[in-house]
mmCIF file of all heavy atoms, coordinates in Angstrom:
data_MODEL
# 
_entry.id   MODEL 
# 
loop_
_atom_site.group_PDB 
_atom_site.id 
_atom_site.type_symbol 
_atom_site.label_atom_id 
_atom_site.label_alt_id 
_atom_site.label_comp_id 
_atom_site.label_asym_id 
_atom_site.label_entity_id 
_atom_site.label_seq_id 
_atom_site.pdbx_PDB_ins_code 
_atom_site.Cartn_x 
_atom_site.Cartn_y 
_atom_site.Cartn_z 
_atom_site.occupancy 
_atom_site.B_iso_or_equiv 
_atom_site.pdbx_formal_charge 
_atom_site.auth_seq_id 
_atom_site.auth_comp_id 
_atom_site.auth_asym_id 
_atom_site.auth_atom_id 
_atom_site.pdbx_PDB_model_num 
ATOM 1   N N   . THR A 1 1  ? -22.728 -0.547  11.417 1.00 0.00 ? 1  THR A N   1 
ATOM 2   C CA  . THR A 1 1  ? -22.022 -1.199  10.306 1.00 0.00 ? 1  THR A CA  1 
ATOM 3   C C   . THR A 1 1  ? -20.645 -0.583  10.086 1.00 0.00 ? 1  THR A C   1 
ATOM 4   O O   . THR A 1 1  ? -19.662 -1.295  9.852  1.00 0.00 ? 1  THR A O   1 
ATOM 5   C CB  . THR A 1 1  ? -22.848 -1.099  9.019  1.00 0.00 ? 1  THR A CB  1 
ATOM 6   O OG1 . THR A 1 1  ? -24.127 -1.696  9.229  1.00 0.00 ? 1  THR A OG1 1 
ATOM 7   C CG2 . THR A 1 1  ? -22.144 -1.792  7.865  1.00 0.00 ? 1  THR A CG2 1 
ATOM 8   N N   . VAL A 1 2  ? -20.577 0.755   10.200 1.00 0.00 ? 2  VAL A N   1 
ATOM 9   C CA  . VAL A 1 2  ? -19.292 1.447   10.023 1.00 0.00 ? 2  VAL A CA  1 
ATOM 10  C C   . VAL A 1 2  ? -18.296 0.998   11.083 1.00 0.00 ? 2  VAL A C   1 
ATOM 11  O O   . VAL A 1 2  ? -17.119 0.735   10.790 1.00 0.00 ? 2  VAL A O   1 
ATOM 12  C CB  . VAL A 1 2  ? -19.496 2.975   10.080 1.00 0.00 ? 2  VAL A CB  1 
ATOM 13  C CG1 . VAL A 1 2  ? -18.146 3.697   10.155 1.00 0.00 ? 2  VAL A CG1 1 
ATOM 14  C CG2 . VAL A 1 2  ? -20.276 3.454   8.868  1.00 0.00 ? 2  VAL A CG2 1 
ATOM 15  N N   . TYR A 1 3  ? -18.748 0.878   12.339 1.00 0.00 ? 3  TYR A N   1 
ATOM 16  C CA  . TYR A 1 3  ? -17.859 0.462   13.418 1.00 0.00 ? 3  TYR A CA  1 
ATOM 17  C C   . TYR A 1 3  ? -17.444 -1.004  13.279 1.00 0.00 ? 3  TYR A C   1 
ATOM 18  O O   . TYR A 1 3  ? -16.333 -1.385  13.672 1.00 0.00 ? 3  TYR A O   1 
ATOM 19  C CB  . TYR A 1 3  ? -18.534 0.678   14.774 1.00 0.00 ? 3  TYR A CB  1 
ATOM 20  C CG  . TYR A 1 3  ? -18.614 2.116   15.202 1.00 0.00 ? 3  TYR A CG  1 
ATOM 21  C CD1 . TYR A 1 3  ? -19.759 2.614   15.826 1.00 0.00 ? 3  TYR A CD1 1 
ATOM 22  C CD2 . TYR A 1 3  ? -17.548 2.987   15.005 1.00 0.00 ? 3  TYR A CD2 1 
ATOM 23  C CE1 . TYR A 1 3  ? -19.835 3.945   16.231 1.00 0.00 ? 3  TYR A CE1 1 
ATOM 24  C CE2 . TYR A 1 3  ? -17.618 4.308   15.397 1.00 0.00 ? 3  TYR A CE2 1 
ATOM 25  C CZ  . TYR A 1 3  ? -18.763 4.778   16.003 1.00 0.00 ? 3  TYR A CZ  1 
ATOM 26  O OH  . TYR A 1 3  ? -18.821 6.091   16.402 1.00 0.00 ? 3  TYR A OH  1 
ATOM 27  N N   . LEU A 1 4  ? -18.346 -1.826  12.748 1.00 0.00 ? 4  LEU A N   1 
ATOM 28  C CA  . LEU A 1 4  ? -18.051 -3.248  12.623 1.00 0.00 ? 4  LEU A CA  1 
ATOM 29  C C   . LEU A 1 4  ? -17.235 -3.580  11.378 1.00 0.00 ? 4  LEU A C   1 
ATOM 30  O O   . LEU A 1 4  ? -16.616 -4.641  11.318 1.00 0.00 ? 4  LEU A O   1 
ATOM 31  C CB  . LEU A 1 4  ? -19.357 -4.057  12.593 1.00 0.00 ? 4  LEU A CB  1 
ATOM 32  C CG  . LEU A 1 4  ? -20.039 -4.300  13.938 1.00 0.00 ? 4  LEU A CG  1 
ATOM 33  C CD1 . LEU A 1 4  ? -21.406 -4.934  13.725 1.00 0.00 ? 4  LEU A CD1 1 
ATOM 34  C CD2 . LEU A 1 4  ? -19.181 -5.192  14.821 1.00 0.00 ? 4  LEU A CD2 1 
ATOM 35  N N   . TYR A 1 5  ? -17.225 -2.680  10.396 1.00 0.00 ? 5  TYR A N   1 
ATOM 36  C CA  . TYR A 1 5  ? -16.565 -2.984  9.119  1.00 0.00 ? 5  TYR A CA  1 
ATOM 37  C C   . TYR A 1 5  ? -15.092 -3.370  9.263  1.00 0.00 ? 5  TYR A C   1 
ATOM 38  O O   . TYR A 1 5  ? -14.646 -4.317  8.607  1.00 0.00 ? 5  TYR A O   1 
ATOM 39  C CB  . TYR A 1 5  ? -16.701 -1.794  8.168  1.00 0.00 ? 5  TYR A CB  1 
ATOM 40  C CG  . TYR A 1 5  ? -15.937 -1.981  6.879  1.00 0.00 ? 5  TYR A CG  1 
ATOM 41  C CD1 . TYR A 1 5  ? -16.394 -2.849  5.902  1.00 0.00 ? 5  TYR A CD1 1 
ATOM 42  C CD2 . TYR A 1 5  ? -14.734 -1.304  6.648  1.00 0.00 ? 5  TYR A CD2 1 
ATOM 43  C CE1 . TYR A 1 5  ? -15.689 -3.037  4.730  1.00 0.00 ? 5  TYR A CE1 1 
ATOM 44  C CE2 . TYR A 1 5  ? -14.023 -1.486  5.488  1.00 0.00 ? 5  TYR A CE2 1 
ATOM 45  C CZ  . TYR A 1 5  ? -14.506 -2.350  4.522  1.00 0.00 ? 5  TYR A CZ  1 
ATOM 46  O OH  . TYR A 1 5  ? -13.803 -2.545  3.373  1.00 0.00 ? 5  TYR A OH  1 
ATOM 47  N N   . PRO A 1 6  ? -14.298 -2.683  10.101 1.00 0.00 ? 6  PRO A N   1 
ATOM 48  C CA  . PRO A 1 6  ? -12.877 -3.078  10.193 1.00 0.00 ? 6  PRO A CA  1 
ATOM 49  C C   . PRO A 1 6  ? -12.670 -4.537  10.570 1.00 0.00 ? 6  PRO A C   1 
ATOM 50  O O   . PRO A 1 6  ? -11.680 -5.145  10.162 1.00 0.00 ? 6  PRO A O   1 
ATOM 51  C CB  . PRO A 1 6  ? -12.333 -2.141  11.280 1.00 0.00 ? 6  PRO A CB  1 
ATOM 52  C CG  . PRO A 1 6  ? -13.208 -0.944  11.210 1.00 0.00 ? 6  PRO A CG  1 
ATOM 53  C CD  . PRO A 1 6  ? -14.571 -1.466  10.891 1.00 0.00 ? 6  PRO A CD  1 
ATOM 54  N N   . MET A 1 7  ? -13.609 -5.124  11.326 1.00 0.00 ? 7  MET A N   1 
ATOM 55  C CA  . MET A 1 7  ? -13.456 -6.522  11.727 1.00 0.00 ? 7  MET A CA  1 
ATOM 56  C C   . MET A 1 7  ? -13.567 -7.455  10.538 1.00 0.00 ? 7  MET A C   1 
ATOM 57  O O   . MET A 1 7  ? -13.100 -8.599  10.600 1.00 0.00 ? 7  MET A O   1 
ATOM 58  C CB  . MET A 1 7  ? -14.507 -6.866  12.790 1.00 0.00 ? 7  MET A CB  1 
ATOM 59  C CG  . MET A 1 7  ? -14.199 -8.125  13.576 1.00 0.00 ? 7  MET A CG  1 
ATOM 60  S SD  . MET A 1 7  ? -12.679 -7.978  14.534 1.00 0.00 ? 7  MET A SD  1 
ATOM 61  C CE  . MET A 1 7  ? -12.490 -9.667  15.104 1.00 0.00 ? 7  MET A CE  1 
ATOM 62  N N   . ALA A 1 8  ? -14.168 -6.982  9.442  1.00 0.00 ? 8  ALA A N   1 
ATOM 63  C CA  . ALA A 1 8  ? -14.292 -7.813  8.248  1.00 0.00 ? 8  ALA A CA  1 
ATOM 64  C C   . ALA A 1 8  ? -12.982 -7.879  7.464  1.00 0.00 ? 8  ALA A C   1 
ATOM 65  O O   . ALA A 1 8  ? -12.830 -8.733  6.588  1.00 0.00 ? 8  ALA A O   1 
ATOM 66  C CB  . ALA A 1 8  ? -15.403 -7.279  7.349  1.00 0.00 ? 8  ALA A CB  1 
ATOM 67  N N   . LEU A 1 9  ? -12.044 -6.993  7.777  1.00 0.00 ? 9  LEU A N   1 
ATOM 68  C CA  . LEU A 1 9  ? -10.762 -6.977  7.094  1.00 0.00 ? 9  LEU A CA  1 
ATOM 69  C C   . LEU A 1 9  ? -9.797  -7.944  7.772  1.00 0.00 ? 9  LEU A C   1 
ATOM 70  O O   . LEU A 1 9  ? -9.889  -8.213  8.962  1.00 0.00 ? 9  LEU A O   1 
ATOM 71  C CB  . LEU A 1 9  ? -10.161 -5.570  7.123  1.00 0.00 ? 9  LEU A CB  1 
ATOM 72  C CG  . LEU A 1 9  ? -10.998 -4.443  6.518  1.00 0.00 ? 9  LEU A CG  1 
ATOM 73  C CD1 . LEU A 1 9  ? -10.300 -3.116  6.737  1.00 0.00 ? 9  LEU A CD1 1 
ATOM 74  C CD2 . LEU A 1 9  ? -11.256 -4.680  5.037  1.00 0.00 ? 9  LEU A CD2 1 
ATOM 75  N N   . SER A 1 10 ? -8.870  -8.460  6.996  1.00 0.00 ? 10 SER A N   1 
ATOM 76  C CA  . SER A 1 10 ? -7.821  -9.290  7.592  1.00 0.00 ? 10 SER A CA  1 
ATOM 77  C C   . SER A 1 10 ? -6.793  -8.386  8.265  1.00 0.00 ? 10 SER A C   1 
ATOM 78  O O   . SER A 1 10 ? -6.665  -7.199  7.946  1.00 0.00 ? 10 SER A O   1 
ATOM 79  C CB  . SER A 1 10 ? -7.136  -10.139 6.510  1.00 0.00 ? 10 SER A CB  1 
ATOM 80  O OG  . SER A 1 10 ? -6.332  -9.322  5.673  1.00 0.00 ? 10 SER A OG  1 
ATOM 81  N N   . PHE A 1 11 ? -6.044  -8.950  9.209  1.00 0.00 ? 11 PHE A N   1 
ATOM 82  C CA  . PHE A 1 11 ? -5.021  -8.168  9.892  1.00 0.00 ? 11 PHE A CA  1 
ATOM 83  C C   . PHE A 1 11 ? -3.896  -7.765  8.943  1.00 0.00 ? 11 PHE A C   1 
ATOM 84  O O   . PHE A 1 11 ? -3.225  -6.761  9.180  1.00 0.00 ? 11 PHE A O   1 
ATOM 85  C CB  . PHE A 1 11 ? -4.466  -8.959  11.080 1.00 0.00 ? 11 PHE A CB  1 
ATOM 86  C CG  . PHE A 1 11 ? -5.331  -8.917  12.295 1.00 0.00 ? 11 PHE A CG  1 
ATOM 87  C CD1 . PHE A 1 11 ? -6.072  -10.013 12.686 1.00 0.00 ? 11 PHE A CD1 1 
ATOM 88  C CD2 . PHE A 1 11 ? -5.423  -7.753  13.038 1.00 0.00 ? 11 PHE A CD2 1 
ATOM 89  C CE1 . PHE A 1 11 ? -6.879  -9.962  13.813 1.00 0.00 ? 11 PHE A CE1 1 
ATOM 90  C CE2 . PHE A 1 11 ? -6.229  -7.681  14.167 1.00 0.00 ? 11 PHE A CE2 1 
ATOM 91  C CZ  . PHE A 1 11 ? -6.962  -8.801  14.554 1.00 0.00 ? 11 PHE A CZ  1 
ATOM 92  N N   . ILE A 1 12 ? -3.697  -8.525  7.883  1.00 0.00 ? 12 ILE A N   1 
ATOM 93  C CA  . ILE A 1 12 ? -2.696  -8.138  6.884  1.00 0.00 ? 12 ILE A CA  1 
ATOM 94  C C   . ILE A 1 12 ? -3.094  -6.834  6.213  1.00 0.00 ? 12 ILE A C   1 
ATOM 95  O O   . ILE A 1 12 ? -2.273  -5.917  6.036  1.00 0.00 ? 12 ILE A O   1 
ATOM 96  C CB  . ILE A 1 12 ? -2.535  -9.259  5.834  1.00 0.00 ? 12 ILE A CB  1 
ATOM 97  C CG1 . ILE A 1 12 ? -1.872  -10.491 6.451  1.00 0.00 ? 12 ILE A CG1 1 
ATOM 98  C CG2 . ILE A 1 12 ? -1.712  -8.758  4.641  1.00 0.00 ? 12 ILE A CG2 1 
ATOM 99  C CD1 . ILE A 1 12 ? -0.427  -10.310 6.831  1.00 0.00 ? 12 ILE A CD1 1 
ATOM 100 N N   . VAL A 1 13 ? -4.369  -6.732  5.824  1.00 0.00 ? 13 VAL A N   1 
ATOM 101 C CA  . VAL A 1 13 ? -4.869  -5.503  5.189  1.00 0.00 ? 13 VAL A CA  1 
ATOM 102 C C   . VAL A 1 13 ? -4.785  -4.343  6.164  1.00 0.00 ? 13 VAL A C   1 
ATOM 103 O O   . VAL A 1 13 ? -4.338  -3.236  5.812  1.00 0.00 ? 13 VAL A O   1 
ATOM 104 C CB  . VAL A 1 13 ? -6.314  -5.712  4.698  1.00 0.00 ? 13 VAL A CB  1 
ATOM 105 C CG1 . VAL A 1 13 ? -6.885  -4.402  4.170  1.00 0.00 ? 13 VAL A CG1 1 
ATOM 106 C CG2 . VAL A 1 13 ? -6.366  -6.788  3.625  1.00 0.00 ? 13 VAL A CG2 1 
ATOM 107 N N   . THR A 1 14 ? -5.205  -4.569  7.409  1.00 0.00 ? 14 THR A N   1 
ATOM 108 C CA  . THR A 1 14 ? -5.146  -3.519  8.425  1.00 0.00 ? 14 THR A CA  1 
ATOM 109 C C   . THR A 1 14 ? -3.713  -3.053  8.651  1.00 0.00 ? 14 THR A C   1 
ATOM 110 O O   . THR A 1 14 ? -3.433  -1.849  8.696  1.00 0.00 ? 14 THR A O   1 
ATOM 111 C CB  . THR A 1 14 ? -5.735  -4.033  9.751  1.00 0.00 ? 14 THR A CB  1 
ATOM 112 O OG1 . THR A 1 14 ? -7.110  -4.367  9.556  1.00 0.00 ? 14 THR A OG1 1 
ATOM 113 C CG2 . THR A 1 14 ? -5.624  -2.970  10.836 1.00 0.00 ? 14 THR A CG2 1 
ATOM 114 N N   . GLY A 1 15 ? -2.787  -4.009  8.798  1.00 0.00 ? 15 GLY A N   1 
ATOM 115 C CA  . GLY A 1 15 ? -1.394  -3.643  9.020  1.00 0.00 ? 15 GLY A CA  1 
ATOM 116 C C   . GLY A 1 15 ? -0.800  -2.865  7.872  1.00 0.00 ? 15 GLY A C   1 
ATOM 117 O O   . GLY A 1 15 ? -0.072  -1.882  8.074  1.00 0.00 ? 15 GLY A O   1 
ATOM 118 N N   . THR A 1 16 ? -1.109  -3.284  6.643  1.00 0.00 ? 16 THR A N   1 
ATOM 119 C CA  . THR A 1 16 ? -0.585  -2.587  5.468  1.00 0.00 ? 16 THR A CA  1 
ATOM 120 C C   . THR A 1 16 ? -1.138  -1.171  5.370  1.00 0.00 ? 16 THR A C   1 
ATOM 121 O O   . THR A 1 16 ? -0.398  -0.216  5.095  1.00 0.00 ? 16 THR A O   1 
ATOM 122 C CB  . THR A 1 16 ? -0.932  -3.363  4.184  1.00 0.00 ? 16 THR A CB  1 
ATOM 123 O OG1 . THR A 1 16 ? -0.406  -4.692  4.286  1.00 0.00 ? 16 THR A OG1 1 
ATOM 124 C CG2 . THR A 1 16 ? -0.362  -2.683  2.958  1.00 0.00 ? 16 THR A CG2 1 
ATOM 125 N N   . ALA A 1 17 ? -2.454  -1.020  5.608  1.00 0.00 ? 17 ALA A N   1 
ATOM 126 C CA  . ALA A 1 17 ? -3.075  0.302   5.539  1.00 0.00 ? 17 ALA A CA  1 
ATOM 127 C C   . ALA A 1 17 ? -2.498  1.249   6.588  1.00 0.00 ? 17 ALA A C   1 
ATOM 128 O O   . ALA A 1 17 ? -2.177  2.411   6.287  1.00 0.00 ? 17 ALA A O   1 
ATOM 129 C CB  . ALA A 1 17 ? -4.587  0.170   5.710  1.00 0.00 ? 17 ALA A CB  1 
ATOM 130 N N   . TRP A 1 18 ? -2.350  0.758   7.819  1.00 0.00 ? 18 TRP A N   1 
ATOM 131 C CA  . TRP A 1 18 ? -1.800  1.608   8.871  1.00 0.00 ? 18 TRP A CA  1 
ATOM 132 C C   . TRP A 1 18 ? -0.307  1.876   8.669  1.00 0.00 ? 18 TRP A C   1 
ATOM 133 O O   . TRP A 1 18 ? 0.201   2.921   9.091  1.00 0.00 ? 18 TRP A O   1 
ATOM 134 C CB  . TRP A 1 18 ? -2.053  0.985   10.239 1.00 0.00 ? 18 TRP A CB  1 
ATOM 135 C CG  . TRP A 1 18 ? -3.426  1.281   10.748 1.00 0.00 ? 18 TRP A CG  1 
ATOM 136 C CD1 . TRP A 1 18 ? -4.552  0.527   10.605 1.00 0.00 ? 18 TRP A CD1 1 
ATOM 137 C CD2 . TRP A 1 18 ? -3.827  2.460   11.460 1.00 0.00 ? 18 TRP A CD2 1 
ATOM 138 N NE1 . TRP A 1 18 ? -5.621  1.147   11.178 1.00 0.00 ? 18 TRP A NE1 1 
ATOM 139 C CE2 . TRP A 1 18 ? -5.209  2.335   11.729 1.00 0.00 ? 18 TRP A CE2 1 
ATOM 140 C CE3 . TRP A 1 18 ? -3.154  3.585   11.915 1.00 0.00 ? 18 TRP A CE3 1 
ATOM 141 C CZ2 . TRP A 1 18 ? -5.921  3.310   12.413 1.00 0.00 ? 18 TRP A CZ2 1 
ATOM 142 C CZ3 . TRP A 1 18 ? -3.863  4.560   12.603 1.00 0.00 ? 18 TRP A CZ3 1 
ATOM 143 C CH2 . TRP A 1 18 ? -5.228  4.421   12.846 1.00 0.00 ? 18 TRP A CH2 1 
ATOM 144 N N   . LYS A 1 19 ? 0.384   0.966   8.033  1.00 0.00 ? 19 LYS A N   1 
ATOM 145 C CA  . LYS A 1 19 ? 1.799   1.213   7.717  1.00 0.00 ? 19 LYS A CA  1 
ATOM 146 C C   . LYS A 1 19 ? 1.931   2.394   6.770  1.00 0.00 ? 19 LYS A C   1 
ATOM 147 O O   . LYS A 1 19 ? 2.794   3.259   6.945  1.00 0.00 ? 19 LYS A O   1 
ATOM 148 C CB  . LYS A 1 19 ? 2.411   -0.039  7.089  1.00 0.00 ? 19 LYS A CB  1 
ATOM 149 C CG  . LYS A 1 19 ? 3.890   0.108   6.746  1.00 0.00 ? 19 LYS A CG  1 
ATOM 150 C CD  . LYS A 1 19 ? 4.434   -1.175  6.158  1.00 0.00 ? 19 LYS A CD  1 
ATOM 151 C CE  . LYS A 1 19 ? 5.917   -1.046  5.836  1.00 0.00 ? 19 LYS A CE  1 
ATOM 152 N NZ  . LYS A 1 19 ? 6.459   -2.312  5.261  1.00 0.00 ? 19 LYS A NZ  1 
ATOM 153 N N   . TRP A 1 20 ? 1.068   2.447   5.755  1.00 0.00 ? 20 TRP A N   1 
ATOM 154 C CA  . TRP A 1 20 ? 1.075   3.594   4.844  1.00 0.00 ? 20 TRP A CA  1 
ATOM 155 C C   . TRP A 1 20 ? 0.659   4.872   5.569  1.00 0.00 ? 20 TRP A C   1 
ATOM 156 O O   . TRP A 1 20 ? 1.245   5.932   5.369  1.00 0.00 ? 20 TRP A O   1 
ATOM 157 C CB  . TRP A 1 20 ? 0.126   3.340   3.673  1.00 0.00 ? 20 TRP A CB  1 
ATOM 158 C CG  . TRP A 1 20 ? 0.556   2.231   2.779  1.00 0.00 ? 20 TRP A CG  1 
ATOM 159 C CD1 . TRP A 1 20 ? 1.808   1.693   2.657  1.00 0.00 ? 20 TRP A CD1 1 
ATOM 160 C CD2 . TRP A 1 20 ? -0.274  1.501   1.863  1.00 0.00 ? 20 TRP A CD2 1 
ATOM 161 N NE1 . TRP A 1 20 ? 1.817   0.679   1.733  1.00 0.00 ? 20 TRP A NE1 1 
ATOM 162 C CE2 . TRP A 1 20 ? 0.551   0.542   1.218  1.00 0.00 ? 20 TRP A CE2 1 
ATOM 163 C CE3 . TRP A 1 20 ? -1.622  1.553   1.523  1.00 0.00 ? 20 TRP A CE3 1 
ATOM 164 C CZ2 . TRP A 1 20 ? 0.069   -0.340  0.263  1.00 0.00 ? 20 TRP A CZ2 1 
ATOM 165 C CZ3 . TRP A 1 20 ? -2.115  0.684   0.561  1.00 0.00 ? 20 TRP A CZ3 1 
ATOM 166 C CH2 . TRP A 1 20 ? -1.276  -0.254  -0.073 1.00 0.00 ? 20 TRP A CH2 1 
ATOM 167 N N   . PHE A 1 21 ? -0.365  4.767   6.410  1.00 0.00 ? 21 PHE A N   1 
ATOM 168 C CA  . PHE A 1 21 ? -0.889  5.947   7.099  1.00 0.00 ? 21 PHE A CA  1 
ATOM 169 C C   . PHE A 1 21 ? 0.144   6.539   8.052  1.00 0.00 ? 21 PHE A C   1 
ATOM 170 O O   . PHE A 1 21 ? 0.230   7.760   8.197  1.00 0.00 ? 21 PHE A O   1 
ATOM 171 C CB  . PHE A 1 21 ? -2.161  5.561   7.857  1.00 0.00 ? 21 PHE A CB  1 
ATOM 172 C CG  . PHE A 1 21 ? -2.796  6.702   8.595  1.00 0.00 ? 21 PHE A CG  1 
ATOM 173 C CD1 . PHE A 1 21 ? -3.504  7.687   7.916  1.00 0.00 ? 21 PHE A CD1 1 
ATOM 174 C CD2 . PHE A 1 21 ? -2.689  6.801   9.979  1.00 0.00 ? 21 PHE A CD2 1 
ATOM 175 C CE1 . PHE A 1 21 ? -4.084  8.750   8.600  1.00 0.00 ? 21 PHE A CE1 1 
ATOM 176 C CE2 . PHE A 1 21 ? -3.267  7.857   10.668 1.00 0.00 ? 21 PHE A CE2 1 
ATOM 177 C CZ  . PHE A 1 21 ? -3.966  8.840   9.974  1.00 0.00 ? 21 PHE A CZ  1 
ATOM 178 N N   . LEU A 1 22 ? 0.926   5.670   8.725  1.00 0.00 ? 22 LEU A N   1 
ATOM 179 C CA  . LEU A 1 22 ? 1.883   6.139   9.721  1.00 0.00 ? 22 LEU A CA  1 
ATOM 180 C C   . LEU A 1 22 ? 3.279   6.398   9.157  1.00 0.00 ? 22 LEU A C   1 
ATOM 181 O O   . LEU A 1 22 ? 4.147   6.892   9.882  1.00 0.00 ? 22 LEU A O   1 
ATOM 182 C CB  . LEU A 1 22 ? 1.976   5.113   10.859 1.00 0.00 ? 22 LEU A CB  1 
ATOM 183 C CG  . LEU A 1 22 ? 0.691   4.890   11.667 1.00 0.00 ? 22 LEU A CG  1 
ATOM 184 C CD1 . LEU A 1 22 ? 0.886   3.742   12.656 1.00 0.00 ? 22 LEU A CD1 1 
ATOM 185 C CD2 . LEU A 1 22 ? 0.275   6.155   12.401 1.00 0.00 ? 22 LEU A CD2 1 
ATOM 186 N N   . ASP A 1 23 ? 3.504   6.045   7.908  1.00 0.00 ? 23 ASP A N   1 
ATOM 187 C CA  . ASP A 1 23 ? 4.815   6.277   7.294  1.00 0.00 ? 23 ASP A CA  1 
ATOM 188 C C   . ASP A 1 23 ? 5.082   7.779   7.203  1.00 0.00 ? 23 ASP A C   1 
ATOM 189 O O   . ASP A 1 23 ? 4.298   8.522   6.601  1.00 0.00 ? 23 ASP A O   1 
ATOM 190 C CB  . ASP A 1 23 ? 4.863   5.660   5.896  1.00 0.00 ? 23 ASP A CB  1 
ATOM 191 C CG  . ASP A 1 23 ? 6.267   5.652   5.323  1.00 0.00 ? 23 ASP A CG  1 
ATOM 192 O OD1 . ASP A 1 23 ? 6.899   6.733   5.249  1.00 0.00 ? 23 ASP A OD1 1 
ATOM 193 O OD2 . ASP A 1 23 ? 6.745   4.570   4.938  1.00 0.00 ? 23 ASP A OD2 1 
ATOM 194 N N   . PRO A 1 24 ? 6.181   8.273   7.801  1.00 0.00 ? 24 PRO A N   1 
ATOM 195 C CA  . PRO A 1 24 ? 6.440   9.722   7.784  1.00 0.00 ? 24 PRO A CA  1 
ATOM 196 C C   . PRO A 1 24 ? 6.582   10.305  6.384  1.00 0.00 ? 24 PRO A C   1 
ATOM 197 O O   . PRO A 1 24 ? 6.316   11.493  6.177  1.00 0.00 ? 24 PRO A O   1 
ATOM 198 C CB  . PRO A 1 24 ? 7.754   9.845   8.565  1.00 0.00 ? 24 PRO A CB  1 
ATOM 199 C CG  . PRO A 1 24 ? 7.836   8.608   9.389  1.00 0.00 ? 24 PRO A CG  1 
ATOM 200 C CD  . PRO A 1 24 ? 7.182   7.529   8.582  1.00 0.00 ? 24 PRO A CD  1 
ATOM 201 N N   . GLY A 1 25 ? 6.995   9.478   5.416  1.00 0.00 ? 25 GLY A N   1 
ATOM 202 C CA  . GLY A 1 25 ? 7.219   10.000  4.077  1.00 0.00 ? 25 GLY A CA  1 
ATOM 203 C C   . GLY A 1 25 ? 5.971   10.162  3.242  1.00 0.00 ? 25 GLY A C   1 
ATOM 204 O O   . GLY A 1 25 ? 5.908   11.051  2.380  1.00 0.00 ? 25 GLY A O   1 
ATOM 205 N N   . ILE A 1 26 ? 4.959   9.319   3.473  1.00 0.00 ? 26 ILE A N   1 
ATOM 206 C CA  . ILE A 1 26 ? 3.760   9.365   2.622  1.00 0.00 ? 26 ILE A CA  1 
ATOM 207 C C   . ILE A 1 26 ? 2.459   9.433   3.431  1.00 0.00 ? 26 ILE A C   1 
ATOM 208 O O   . ILE A 1 26 ? 1.381   9.609   2.846  1.00 0.00 ? 26 ILE A O   1 
ATOM 209 C CB  . ILE A 1 26 ? 3.693   8.135   1.692  1.00 0.00 ? 26 ILE A CB  1 
ATOM 210 C CG1 . ILE A 1 26 ? 3.629   6.848   2.536  1.00 0.00 ? 26 ILE A CG1 1 
ATOM 211 C CG2 . ILE A 1 26 ? 4.882   8.117   0.749  1.00 0.00 ? 26 ILE A CG2 1 
ATOM 212 C CD1 . ILE A 1 26 ? 3.428   5.597   1.697  1.00 0.00 ? 26 ILE A CD1 1 
ATOM 213 N N   . GLY A 1 27 ? 2.538   9.317   4.733  1.00 0.00 ? 27 GLY A N   1 
ATOM 214 C CA  . GLY A 1 27 ? 1.332   9.206   5.545  1.00 0.00 ? 27 GLY A CA  1 
ATOM 215 C C   . GLY A 1 27 ? 0.912   10.491  6.214  1.00 0.00 ? 27 GLY A C   1 
ATOM 216 O O   . GLY A 1 27 ? 1.002   11.585  5.631  1.00 0.00 ? 27 GLY A O   1 
ATOM 217 N N   . LEU A 1 28 ? 0.464   10.356  7.469  1.00 0.00 ? 28 LEU A N   1 
ATOM 218 C CA  . LEU A 1 28 ? -0.105  11.474  8.209  1.00 0.00 ? 28 LEU A CA  1 
ATOM 219 C C   . LEU A 1 28 ? 0.858   12.644  8.312  1.00 0.00 ? 28 LEU A C   1 
ATOM 220 O O   . LEU A 1 28 ? 0.482   13.805  8.078  1.00 0.00 ? 28 LEU A O   1 
ATOM 221 C CB  . LEU A 1 28 ? -0.501  10.988  9.609  1.00 0.00 ? 28 LEU A CB  1 
ATOM 222 C CG  . LEU A 1 28 ? -1.052  12.047  10.561 1.00 0.00 ? 28 LEU A CG  1 
ATOM 223 C CD1 . LEU A 1 28 ? -2.371  12.605  10.044 1.00 0.00 ? 28 LEU A CD1 1 
ATOM 224 C CD2 . LEU A 1 28 ? -1.232  11.463  11.959 1.00 0.00 ? 28 LEU A CD2 1 
ATOM 225 N N   . GLN A 1 29 ? 2.112   12.378  8.648  1.00 0.00 ? 29 GLN A N   1 
ATOM 226 C CA  . GLN A 1 29 ? 3.087   13.458  8.823  1.00 0.00 ? 29 GLN A CA  1 
ATOM 227 C C   . GLN A 1 29 ? 3.277   14.236  7.533  1.00 0.00 ? 29 GLN A C   1 
ATOM 228 O O   . GLN A 1 29 ? 3.288   15.474  7.537  1.00 0.00 ? 29 GLN A O   1 
ATOM 229 C CB  . GLN A 1 29 ? 4.421   12.885  9.296  1.00 0.00 ? 29 GLN A CB  1 
ATOM 230 C CG  . GLN A 1 29 ? 5.526   13.928  9.415  1.00 0.00 ? 29 GLN A CG  1 
ATOM 231 C CD  . GLN A 1 29 ? 6.822   13.337  9.948  1.00 0.00 ? 29 GLN A CD  1 
ATOM 232 O OE1 . GLN A 1 29 ? 6.840   12.754  11.025 1.00 0.00 ? 29 GLN A OE1 1 
ATOM 233 N NE2 . GLN A 1 29 ? 7.898   13.482  9.199  1.00 0.00 ? 29 GLN A NE2 1 
# 
């Protein structure tokens, strides 16, 4: 279920979440 859960999200949600995660100012860096 954990592995399949991302497929339940829309690509808009995925893109927005990863944009925040990869943003050098507020994300992983």
